[in-house]
Amino acid sequence: MARDLGWSPEAVEDVESIASYIERDSPWYAKAVVSRIVETAETLADFPEMGRMVPEIGDPLIRERLVYSYRIIYRLEPQRVLIAAVIHGRRLLQPMLPRLEGEQE
């Protein structure tokens, strides 16, 4: 059974920041990257356990999918999949742990 898909405000900001950064060099590539991120996130509603468990956290309810050099980090909830963050693969995850483990919205 498919779950609903939700985006945290922070995850939306993450995607917008990624697009703005890439767009400085290539508007076409920025659009392609954002499209792939959104398409990948949309598959999670039907296949929520497709992603791997985030190694730094070790919680089976917090998972990730990789798109290019970005990590789509999401939380499995009873009725939905919540995209919590979209970060570059080299970015440290520690500062955003409260966002990932926070209260359900």
PDB file of N, CA and C in Angstrom:
ATOM      1  N   MET A   1       0.835  -1.186   0.000  1.00  0.00           N
ATOM      2  CA  MET A   1       0.000   0.000   0.000  1.00  0.00           C
ATOM      3  C   MET A   1       0.879   1.249   0.000  1.00  0.00           C
ATOM      4  N   ALA A   2       0.579   2.165  -0.884  1.00  0.00           N
ATOM      5  CA  ALA A   2       1.357   3.395  -0.989  1.00  0.00           C
ATOM      6  C   ALA A   2       1.070   4.302   0.203  1.00  0.00           C
ATOM      7  N   ARG A   3       2.091   4.975   0.624  1.00  0.00           N
ATOM      8  CA  ARG A   3       1.957   5.968   1.689  1.00  0.00           C
ATOM      9  C   ARG A   3       1.911   7.350   1.048  1.00  0.00           C
ATOM     10  N   ASP A   4       1.504   8.335   1.823  1.00  0.00           N
ATOM     11  CA  ASP A   4       1.596   9.713   1.370  1.00  0.00           C
ATOM     12  C   ASP A   4       3.059  10.125   1.391  1.00  0.00           C
ATOM     13  N   LEU A   5       3.394  11.107   0.594  1.00  0.00           N
ATOM     14  CA  LEU A   5       4.747  11.653   0.558  1.00  0.00           C
ATOM     15  C   LEU A   5       4.687  13.088   1.037  1.00  0.00           C
ATOM     16  N   GLY A   6       5.514  13.410   2.030  1.00  0.00           N
ATOM     17  CA  GLY A   6       5.583  14.779   2.535  1.00  0.00           C
ATOM     18  C   GLY A   6       7.008  15.297   2.495  1.00  0.00           C
ATOM     19  N   TRP A   7       7.134  16.593   2.399  1.00  0.00           N
ATOM     20  CA  TRP A   7       8.434  17.260   2.394  1.00  0.00           C
ATOM     21  C   TRP A   7       8.478  18.210   3.579  1.00  0.00           C
ATOM     22  N   SER A   8       9.514  18.119   4.394  1.00  0.00           N
ATOM     23  CA  SER A   8       9.676  19.102   5.468  1.00  0.00           C
ATOM     24  C   SER A   8      10.054  20.433   4.823  1.00  0.00           C
ATOM     25  N   PRO A   9       9.742  21.551   5.484  1.00  0.00           N
ATOM     26  CA  PRO A   9      10.140  22.855   4.942  1.00  0.00           C
ATOM     27  C   PRO A   9      11.659  22.936   4.733  1.00  0.00           C
ATOM     28  N   GLU A  10      12.407  22.304   5.623  1.00  0.00           N
ATOM     29  CA  GLU A  10      13.876  22.323   5.497  1.00  0.00           C
ATOM     30  C   GLU A  10      14.337  21.568   4.250  1.00  0.00           C
ATOM     31  N   ALA A  11      13.679  20.450   3.940  1.00  0.00           N
ATOM     32  CA  ALA A  11      14.053  19.683   2.749  1.00  0.00           C
ATOM     33  C   ALA A  11      13.753  20.475   1.480  1.00  0.00           C
ATOM     34  N   VAL A  12      12.645  21.190   1.476  1.00  0.00           N
ATOM     35  CA  VAL A  12      12.316  22.047   0.327  1.00  0.00           C
ATOM     36  C   VAL A  12      13.400  23.118   0.170  1.00  0.00           C
ATOM     37  N   GLU A  13      13.800  23.724   1.284  1.00  0.00           N
ATOM     38  CA  GLU A  13      14.880  24.725   1.245  1.00  0.00           C
ATOM     39  C   GLU A  13      16.179  24.103   0.748  1.00  0.00           C
ATOM     40  N   ASP A  14      16.461  22.873   1.169  1.00  0.00           N
ATOM     41  CA  ASP A  14      17.663  22.186   0.707  1.00  0.00           C
ATOM     42  C   ASP A  14      17.669  22.070  -0.813  1.00  0.00           C
ATOM     43  N   VAL A  15      16.556  21.644  -1.384  1.00  0.00           N
ATOM     44  CA  VAL A  15      16.467  21.465  -2.836  1.00  0.00           C
ATOM     45  C   VAL A  15      16.593  22.812  -3.544  1.00  0.00           C
ATOM     46  N   GLU A  16      15.957  23.834  -2.995  1.00  0.00           N
ATOM     47  CA  GLU A  16      16.068  25.166  -3.597  1.00  0.00           C
ATOM     48  C   GLU A  16      17.506  25.669  -3.560  1.00  0.00           C
ATOM     49  N   SER A  17      18.208  25.413  -2.472  1.00  0.00           N
ATOM     50  CA  SER A  17      19.613  25.825  -2.362  1.00  0.00           C
ATOM     51  C   SER A  17      20.493  25.077  -3.355  1.00  0.00           C
ATOM     52  N   ILE A  18      20.235  23.790  -3.510  1.00  0.00           N
ATOM     53  CA  ILE A  18      20.985  22.985  -4.477  1.00  0.00           C
ATOM     54  C   ILE A  18      20.771  23.547  -5.882  1.00  0.00           C
ATOM     55  N   ALA A  19      19.520  23.823  -6.225  1.00  0.00           N
ATOM     56  CA  ALA A  19      19.206  24.362  -7.550  1.00  0.00           C
ATOM     57  C   ALA A  19      19.896  25.702  -7.774  1.00  0.00           C
ATOM     58  N   SER A  20      19.853  26.582  -6.784  1.00  0.00           N
ATOM     59  CA  SER A  20      20.481  27.903  -6.924  1.00  0.00           C
ATOM     60  C   SER A  20      21.991  27.784  -7.108  1.00  0.00           C
ATOM     61  N   TYR A  21      22.588  26.895  -6.361  1.00  0.00           N
ATOM     62  CA  TYR A  21      24.039  26.716  -6.446  1.00  0.00           C
ATOM     63  C   TYR A  21      24.440  26.202  -7.829  1.00  0.00           C
ATOM     64  N   ILE A  22      23.768  25.174  -8.313  1.00  0.00           N
ATOM     65  CA  ILE A  22      24.110  24.588  -9.610  1.00  0.00           C
ATOM     66  C   ILE A  22      23.765  25.547 -10.748  1.00  0.00           C
ATOM     67  N   GLU A  23      22.684  26.291 -10.582  1.00  0.00           N
ATOM     68  CA  GLU A  23      22.204  27.187 -11.635  1.00  0.00           C
ATOM     69  C   GLU A  23      23.219  28.277 -11.993  1.00  0.00           C
ATOM     70  N   ARG A  24      24.094  28.614 -11.069  1.00  0.00           N
ATOM     71  CA  ARG A  24      25.118  29.624 -11.369  1.00  0.00           C
ATOM     72  C   ARG A  24      25.991  29.197 -12.535  1.00  0.00           C
ATOM     73  N   ASP A  25      26.221  27.881 -12.649  1.00  0.00           N
ATOM     74  CA  ASP A  25      27.042  27.360 -13.742  1.00  0.00           C
ATOM     75  C   ASP A  25      26.210  26.819 -14.893  1.00  0.00           C
ATOM     76  N   SER A  26      25.067  26.206 -14.589  1.00  0.00           N
ATOM     77  CA  SER A  26      24.285  25.564 -15.640  1.00  0.00           C
ATOM     78  C   SER A  26      22.816  25.457 -15.241  1.00  0.00           C
ATOM     79  N   PRO A  27      21.981  26.350 -15.769  1.00  0.00           N
ATOM     80  CA  PRO A  27      20.550  26.237 -15.488  1.00  0.00           C
ATOM     81  C   PRO A  27      19.969  24.890 -15.938  1.00  0.00           C
ATOM     82  N   TRP A  28      20.456  24.380 -17.049  1.00  0.00           N
ATOM     83  CA  TRP A  28      19.961  23.095 -17.553  1.00  0.00           C
ATOM     84  C   TRP A  28      20.286  21.972 -16.573  1.00  0.00           C
ATOM     85  N   TYR A  29      21.532  21.924 -16.085  1.00  0.00           N
ATOM     86  CA  TYR A  29      21.929  20.865 -15.156  1.00  0.00           C
ATOM     87  C   TYR A  29      21.197  21.012 -13.821  1.00  0.00           C
ATOM     88  N   ALA A  30      20.977  22.253 -13.376  1.00  0.00           N
ATOM     89  CA  ALA A  30      20.232  22.469 -12.126  1.00  0.00           C
ATOM     90  C   ALA A  30      18.837  21.860 -12.237  1.00  0.00           C
ATOM     91  N   LYS A  31      18.180  22.098 -13.366  1.00  0.00           N
ATOM     92  CA  LYS A  31      16.838  21.542 -13.571  1.00  0.00           C
ATOM     93  C   LYS A  31      16.885  20.019 -13.615  1.00  0.00           C
ATOM     94  N   ALA A  32      17.900  19.466 -14.279  1.00  0.00           N
ATOM     95  CA  ALA A  32      18.021  18.006 -14.383  1.00  0.00           C
ATOM     96  C   ALA A  32      18.234  17.366 -13.008  1.00  0.00           C
ATOM     97  N   VAL A  33      19.088  17.967 -12.198  1.00  0.00           N
ATOM     98  CA  VAL A  33      19.373  17.418 -10.864  1.00  0.00           C
ATOM     99  C   VAL A  33      18.120  17.484  -9.984  1.00  0.00           C
ATOM    100  N   VAL A  34      17.457  18.631  -9.975  1.00  0.00           N
ATOM    101  CA  VAL A  34      16.250  18.773  -9.156  1.00  0.00           C
ATOM    102  C   VAL A  34      15.169  17.801  -9.627  1.00  0.00           C
ATOM    103  N   SER A  35      15.014  17.652 -10.930  1.00  0.00           N
ATOM    104  CA  SER A  35      14.021  16.701 -11.453  1.00  0.00           C
ATOM    105  C   SER A  35      14.311  15.289 -10.982  1.00  0.00           C
ATOM    106  N   ARG A  36      15.576  14.895 -11.023  1.00  0.00           N
ATOM    107  CA  ARG A  36      15.942  13.540 -10.593  1.00  0.00           C
ATOM    108  C   ARG A  36      15.706  13.366  -9.098  1.00  0.00           C
ATOM    109  N   ILE A  37      16.004  14.389  -8.300  1.00  0.00           N
ATOM    110  CA  ILE A  37      15.759  14.315  -6.858  1.00  0.00           C
ATOM    111  C   ILE A  37      14.261  14.119  -6.598  1.00  0.00           C
ATOM    112  N   VAL A  38      13.425  14.914  -7.255  1.00  0.00           N
ATOM    113  CA  VAL A  38      11.977  14.832  -7.047  1.00  0.00           C
ATOM    114  C   VAL A  38      11.440  13.481  -7.537  1.00  0.00           C
ATOM    115  N   GLU A  39      11.879  13.035  -8.706  1.00  0.00           N
ATOM    116  CA  GLU A  39      11.425  11.738  -9.227  1.00  0.00           C
ATOM    117  C   GLU A  39      11.791  10.599  -8.283  1.00  0.00           C
ATOM    118  N   THR A  40      13.011  10.641  -7.762  1.00  0.00           N
ATOM    119  CA  THR A  40      13.445   9.596  -6.839  1.00  0.00           C
ATOM    120  C   THR A  40      12.618   9.640  -5.562  1.00  0.00           C
ATOM    121  N   ALA A  41      12.376  10.838  -5.038  1.00  0.00           N
ATOM    122  CA  ALA A  41      11.571  10.970  -3.816  1.00  0.00           C
ATOM    123  C   ALA A  41      10.161  10.433  -4.042  1.00  0.00           C
ATOM    124  N   GLU A  42       9.592  10.693  -5.213  1.00  0.00           N
ATOM    125  CA  GLU A  42       8.231  10.242  -5.484  1.00  0.00           C
ATOM    126  C   GLU A  42       8.105   8.716  -5.503  1.00  0.00           C
ATOM    127  N   THR A  43       9.175   8.011  -5.836  1.00  0.00           N
ATOM    128  CA  THR A  43       9.114   6.544  -5.827  1.00  0.00           C
ATOM    129  C   THR A  43       9.011   5.994  -4.412  1.00  0.00           C
ATOM    130  N   LEU A  44       9.382   6.795  -3.423  1.00  0.00           N
ATOM    131  CA  LEU A  44       9.389   6.328  -2.042  1.00  0.00           C
ATOM    132  C   LEU A  44       7.984   6.103  -1.483  1.00  0.00           C
ATOM    133  N   ALA A  45       6.984   6.764  -2.049  1.00  0.00           N
ATOM    134  CA  ALA A  45       5.612   6.552  -1.584  1.00  0.00           C
ATOM    135  C   ALA A  45       5.179   5.108  -1.832  1.00  0.00           C
ATOM    136  N   ASP A  46       5.609   4.539  -2.955  1.00  0.00           N
ATOM    137  CA  ASP A  46       5.253   3.157  -3.282  1.00  0.00           C
ATOM    138  C   ASP A  46       6.243   2.136  -2.740  1.00  0.00           C
ATOM    139  N   PHE A  47       7.497   2.539  -2.607  1.00  0.00           N
ATOM    140  CA  PHE A  47       8.548   1.619  -2.164  1.00  0.00           C
ATOM    141  C   PHE A  47       9.366   2.270  -1.048  1.00  0.00           C
ATOM    142  N   PRO A  48       8.760   2.495   0.115  1.00  0.00           N
ATOM    143  CA  PRO A  48       9.425   3.264   1.172  1.00  0.00           C
ATOM    144  C   PRO A  48      10.669   2.612   1.762  1.00  0.00           C
ATOM    145  N   GLU A  49      10.776   1.296   1.679  1.00  0.00           N
ATOM    146  CA  GLU A  49      11.943   0.648   2.266  1.00  0.00           C
ATOM    147  C   GLU A  49      13.033   0.386   1.231  1.00  0.00           C
ATOM    148  N   MET A  50      12.906   1.003   0.059  1.00  0.00           N
ATOM    149  CA  MET A  50      13.884   0.837  -0.999  1.00  0.00           C
ATOM    150  C   MET A  50      15.246   1.407  -0.591  1.00  0.00           C
ATOM    151  N   GLY A  51      15.235   2.492   0.130  1.00  0.00           N
ATOM    152  CA  GLY A  51      16.486   3.127   0.545  1.00  0.00           C
ATOM    153  C   GLY A  51      17.169   2.362   1.656  1.00  0.00           C
ATOM    154  N   ARG A  52      18.438   2.666   1.799  1.00  0.00           N
ATOM    155  CA  ARG A  52      19.200   2.015   2.879  1.00  0.00           C
ATOM    156  C   ARG A  52      19.035   2.795   4.177  1.00  0.00           C
ATOM    157  N   MET A  53      19.278   2.113   5.269  1.00  0.00           N
ATOM    158  CA  MET A  53      19.278   2.749   6.571  1.00  0.00           C
ATOM    159  C   MET A  53      20.466   3.718   6.611  1.00  0.00           C
ATOM    160  N   VAL A  54      20.268   4.910   7.157  1.00  0.00           N
ATOM    161  CA  VAL A  54      21.349   5.894   7.232  1.00  0.00           C
ATOM    162  C   VAL A  54      22.411   5.354   8.191  1.00  0.00           C
ATOM    163  N   PRO A  55      23.633   5.114   7.689  1.00  0.00           N
ATOM    164  CA  PRO A  55      24.661   4.470   8.518  1.00  0.00           C
ATOM    165  C   PRO A  55      24.988   5.216   9.810  1.00  0.00           C
ATOM    166  N   GLU A  56      25.000   6.554   9.756  1.00  0.00           N
ATOM    167  CA  GLU A  56      25.366   7.328  10.945  1.00  0.00           C
ATOM    168  C   GLU A  56      24.312   7.270  12.034  1.00  0.00           C
ATOM    169  N   ILE A  57      23.096   6.897  11.693  1.00  0.00           N
ATOM    170  CA  ILE A  57      22.005   6.915  12.663  1.00  0.00           C
ATOM    171  C   ILE A  57      21.648   5.516  13.140  1.00  0.00           C
ATOM    172  N   GLY A  58      21.563   4.565  12.221  1.00  0.00           N
ATOM    173  CA  GLY A  58      21.270   3.187  12.600  1.00  0.00           C
ATOM    174  C   GLY A  58      19.827   2.926  12.988  1.00  0.00           C
ATOM    175  N   ASP A  59      18.923   3.803  12.596  1.00  0.00           N
ATOM    176  CA  ASP A  59      17.499   3.640  12.887  1.00  0.00           C
ATOM    177  C   ASP A  59      16.813   3.154  11.609  1.00  0.00           C
ATOM    178  N   PRO A  60      16.133   2.005  11.645  1.00  0.00           N
ATOM    179  CA  PRO A  60      15.503   1.488  10.424  1.00  0.00           C
ATOM    180  C   PRO A  60      14.379   2.374   9.882  1.00  0.00           C
ATOM    181  N   LEU A  61      13.928   3.338  10.666  1.00  0.00           N
ATOM    182  CA  LEU A  61      12.882   4.249  10.193  1.00  0.00           C
ATOM    183  C   LEU A  61      13.449   5.494   9.510  1.00  0.00           C
ATOM    184  N   ILE A  62      14.763   5.679   9.576  1.00  0.00           N
ATOM    185  CA  ILE A  62      15.406   6.811   8.905  1.00  0.00           C
ATOM    186  C   ILE A  62      16.297   6.235   7.818  1.00  0.00           C
ATOM    187  N   ARG A  63      15.942   6.531   6.577  1.00  0.00           N
ATOM    188  CA  ARG A  63      16.586   5.917   5.419  1.00  0.00           C
ATOM    189  C   ARG A  63      17.051   6.978   4.440  1.00  0.00           C
ATOM    190  N   GLU A  64      17.770   6.524   3.417  1.00  0.00           N
ATOM    191  CA  GLU A  64      18.242   7.458   2.407  1.00  0.00           C
ATOM    192  C   GLU A  64      18.314   6.802   1.044  1.00  0.00           C
ATOM    193  N   ARG A  65      18.182   7.633   0.035  1.00  0.00           N
ATOM    194  CA  ARG A  65      18.425   7.263  -1.363  1.00  0.00           C
ATOM    195  C   ARG A  65      19.463   8.229  -1.887  1.00  0.00           C
ATOM    196  N   LEU A  66      20.314   7.759  -2.752  1.00  0.00           N
ATOM    197  CA  LEU A  66      21.361   8.595  -3.328  1.00  0.00           C
ATOM    198  C   LEU A  66      20.967   9.020  -4.735  1.00  0.00           C
ATOM    199  N   VAL A  67      21.189  10.295  -5.028  1.00  0.00           N
ATOM    200  CA  VAL A  67      20.952  10.853  -6.355  1.00  0.00           C
ATOM    201  C   VAL A  67      22.149  11.731  -6.677  1.00  0.00           C
ATOM    202  N   TYR A  68      22.896  11.331  -7.706  1.00  0.00           N
ATOM    203  CA  TYR A  68      24.149  12.010  -8.028  1.00  0.00           C
ATOM    204  C   TYR A  68      24.983  12.053  -6.748  1.00  0.00           C
ATOM    205  N   SER A  69      25.401  13.235  -6.315  1.00  0.00           N
ATOM    206  CA  SER A  69      26.206  13.313  -5.092  1.00  0.00           C
ATOM    207  C   SER A  69      25.375  13.774  -3.896  1.00  0.00           C
ATOM    208  N   TYR A  70      24.057  13.631  -3.986  1.00  0.00           N
ATOM    209  CA  TYR A  70      23.162  14.078  -2.919  1.00  0.00           C
ATOM    210  C   TYR A  70      22.474  12.910  -2.226  1.00  0.00           C
ATOM    211  N   ARG A  71      22.158  13.120  -0.965  1.00  0.00           N
ATOM    212  CA  ARG A  71      21.460  12.129  -0.148  1.00  0.00           C
ATOM    213  C   ARG A  71      20.060  12.642   0.155  1.00  0.00           C
ATOM    214  N   ILE A  72      19.062  11.880  -0.256  1.00  0.00           N
ATOM    215  CA  ILE A  72      17.676  12.184   0.122  1.00  0.00           C
ATOM    216  C   ILE A  72      17.428  11.391   1.395  1.00  0.00           C
ATOM    217  N   ILE A  73      17.312  12.084   2.500  1.00  0.00           N
ATOM    218  CA  ILE A  73      17.144  11.426   3.793  1.00  0.00           C
ATOM    219  C   ILE A  73      15.675  11.570   4.202  1.00  0.00           C
ATOM    220  N   TYR A  74      15.069  10.435   4.525  1.00  0.00           N
ATOM    221  CA  TYR A  74      13.644  10.449   4.825  1.00  0.00           C
ATOM    222  C   TYR A  74      13.327   9.581   6.032  1.00  0.00           C
ATOM    223  N   ARG A  75      12.161   9.870   6.614  1.00  0.00           N
ATOM    224  CA  ARG A  75      11.702   9.149   7.794  1.00  0.00           C
ATOM    225  C   ARG A  75      10.416   8.410   7.449  1.00  0.00           C
ATOM    226  N   LEU A  76      10.370   7.141   7.804  1.00  0.00           N
ATOM    227  CA  LEU A  76       9.160   6.348   7.605  1.00  0.00           C
ATOM    228  C   LEU A  76       8.218   6.601   8.777  1.00  0.00           C
ATOM    229  N   GLU A  77       7.011   6.999   8.446  1.00  0.00           N
ATOM    230  CA  GLU A  77       5.973   7.215   9.435  1.00  0.00           C
ATOM    231  C   GLU A  77       4.818   6.276   9.091  1.00  0.00           C
ATOM    232  N   PRO A  78       3.896   6.044  10.013  1.00  0.00           N
ATOM    233  CA  PRO A  78       2.824   5.066   9.743  1.00  0.00           C
ATOM    234  C   PRO A  78       2.029   5.339   8.463  1.00  0.00           C
ATOM    235  N   GLN A  79       1.719   6.577   8.183  1.00  0.00           N
ATOM    236  CA  GLN A  79       0.877   6.890   7.036  1.00  0.00           C
ATOM    237  C   GLN A  79       1.609   7.581   5.889  1.00  0.00           C
ATOM    238  N   ARG A  80       2.865   7.966   6.115  1.00  0.00           N
ATOM    239  CA  ARG A  80       3.568   8.695   5.063  1.00  0.00           C
ATOM    240  C   ARG A  80       5.072   8.502   5.140  1.00  0.00           C
ATOM    241  N   VAL A  81       5.697   8.953   4.089  1.00  0.00           N
ATOM    242  CA  VAL A  81       7.155   9.051   4.013  1.00  0.00           C
ATOM    243  C   VAL A  81       7.455  10.543   4.051  1.00  0.00           C
ATOM    244  N   LEU A  82       8.282  10.973   4.994  1.00  0.00           N
ATOM    245  CA  LEU A  82       8.608  12.390   5.132  1.00  0.00           C
ATOM    246  C   LEU A  82      10.044  12.624   4.683  1.00  0.00           C
ATOM    247  N   ILE A  83      10.215  13.403   3.634  1.00  0.00           N
ATOM    248  CA  ILE A  83      11.553  13.795   3.199  1.00  0.00           C
ATOM    249  C   ILE A  83      12.029  14.836   4.206  1.00  0.00           C
ATOM    250  N   ALA A  84      13.076  14.506   4.942  1.00  0.00           N
ATOM    251  CA  ALA A  84      13.552  15.378   6.013  1.00  0.00           C
ATOM    252  C   ALA A  84      14.699  16.273   5.578  1.00  0.00           C
ATOM    253  N   ALA A  85      15.518  15.789   4.638  1.00  0.00           N
ATOM    254  CA  ALA A  85      16.682  16.567   4.207  1.00  0.00           C
ATOM    255  C   ALA A  85      17.171  16.061   2.864  1.00  0.00           C
ATOM    256  N   VAL A  86      17.780  16.964   2.117  1.00  0.00           N
ATOM    257  CA  VAL A  86      18.485  16.613   0.893  1.00  0.00           C
ATOM    258  C   VAL A  86      19.831  17.315   1.006  1.00  0.00           C
ATOM    259  N   ILE A  87      20.884  16.520   1.205  1.00  0.00           N
ATOM    260  CA  ILE A  87      22.192  17.119   1.471  1.00  0.00           C
ATOM    261  C   ILE A  87      23.250  16.540   0.540  1.00  0.00           C
ATOM    262  N   HIS A  88      24.323  17.286   0.390  1.00  0.00           N
ATOM    263  CA  HIS A  88      25.456  16.782  -0.385  1.00  0.00           C
ATOM    264  C   HIS A  88      26.093  15.638   0.395  1.00  0.00           C
ATOM    265  N   GLY A  89      26.586  14.658  -0.315  1.00  0.00           N
ATOM    266  CA  GLY A  89      27.162  13.477   0.318  1.00  0.00           C
ATOM    267  C   GLY A  89      28.343  13.756   1.219  1.00  0.00           C
ATOM    268  N   ARG A  90      29.048  14.858   0.999  1.00  0.00           N
ATOM    269  CA  ARG A  90      30.204  15.192   1.849  1.00  0.00           C
ATOM    270  C   ARG A  90      29.834  16.023   3.072  1.00  0.00           C
ATOM    271  N   ARG A  91      28.594  16.456   3.134  1.00  0.00           N
ATOM    272  CA  ARG A  91      28.164  17.283   4.258  1.00  0.00           C
ATOM    273  C   ARG A  91      28.008  16.421   5.509  1.00  0.00           C
ATOM    274  N   LEU A  92      28.419  16.967   6.642  1.00  0.00           N
ATOM    275  CA  LEU A  92      28.290  16.243   7.903  1.00  0.00           C
ATOM    276  C   LEU A  92      26.826  16.156   8.313  1.00  0.00           C
ATOM    277  N   LEU A  93      26.439  14.997   8.755  1.00  0.00           N
ATOM    278  CA  LEU A  93      25.050  14.766   9.142  1.00  0.00           C
ATOM    279  C   LEU A  93      24.781  15.161  10.596  1.00  0.00           C
ATOM    280  N   GLN A  94      25.775  15.164  11.424  1.00  0.00           N
ATOM    281  CA  GLN A  94      25.613  15.415  12.860  1.00  0.00           C
ATOM    282  C   GLN A  94      24.809  16.677  13.179  1.00  0.00           C
ATOM    283  N   PRO A  95      25.064  17.824  12.525  1.00  0.00           N
ATOM    284  CA  PRO A  95      24.298  19.026  12.888  1.00  0.00           C
ATOM    285  C   PRO A  95      22.796  18.931  12.593  1.00  0.00           C
ATOM    286  N   MET A  96      22.385  18.023  11.720  1.00  0.00           N
ATOM    287  CA  MET A  96      20.961  17.953  11.408  1.00  0.00           C
ATOM    288  C   MET A  96      20.248  16.783  12.066  1.00  0.00           C
ATOM    289  N   LEU A  97      20.876  16.106  12.987  1.00  0.00           N
ATOM    290  CA  LEU A  97      20.215  14.983  13.662  1.00  0.00           C
ATOM    291  C   LEU A  97      18.895  15.377  14.323  1.00  0.00           C
ATOM    292  N   PRO A  98      18.808  16.546  14.969  1.00  0.00           N
ATOM    293  CA  PRO A  98      17.510  16.907  15.559  1.00  0.00           C
ATOM    294  C   PRO A  98      16.394  16.978  14.510  1.00  0.00           C
ATOM    295  N   ARG A  99      16.708  17.448  13.326  1.00  0.00           N
ATOM    296  CA  ARG A  99      15.713  17.526  12.254  1.00  0.00           C
ATOM    297  C   ARG A  99      15.267  16.129  11.837  1.00  0.00           C
ATOM    298  N   LEU A 100      16.187  15.204  11.762  1.00  0.00           N
ATOM    299  CA  LEU A 100      15.881  13.849  11.302  1.00  0.00           C
ATOM    300  C   LEU A 100      15.153  13.017  12.339  1.00  0.00           C
ATOM    301  N   GLU A 101      15.476  13.231  13.586  1.00  0.00           N
ATOM    302  CA  GLU A 101      14.885  12.431  14.653  1.00  0.00           C
ATOM    303  C   GLU A 101      13.757  13.164  15.361  1.00  0.00           C
ATOM    304  N   GLY A 102      13.389  14.353  14.845  1.00  0.00           N
ATOM    305  CA  GLY A 102      12.411  15.209  15.509  1.00  0.00           C
ATOM    306  C   GLY A 102      11.024  14.638  15.565  1.00  0.00           C
ATOM    307  N   GLU A 103      10.167  15.428  16.139  1.00  0.00           N
ATOM    308  CA  GLU A 103       8.762  15.056  16.280  1.00  0.00           C
ATOM    309  C   GLU A 103       8.126  14.887  14.916  1.00  0.00           C
ATOM    310  N   GLN A 104       7.152  14.018  14.841  1.00  0.00           N
ATOM    311  CA  GLN A 104       6.398  13.847  13.596  1.00  0.00           C
ATOM    312  C   GLN A 104       5.558  15.079  13.367  1.00  0.00           C
ATOM    313  N   GLU A 105       5.532  15.510  12.092  1.00  0.00           N
ATOM    314  CA  GLU A 105       4.780  16.730  11.766  1.00  0.00           C
ATOM    315  C   GLU A 105       3.325  16.413  11.541  1.00  0.00           C
TER     316      GLU A 105
END
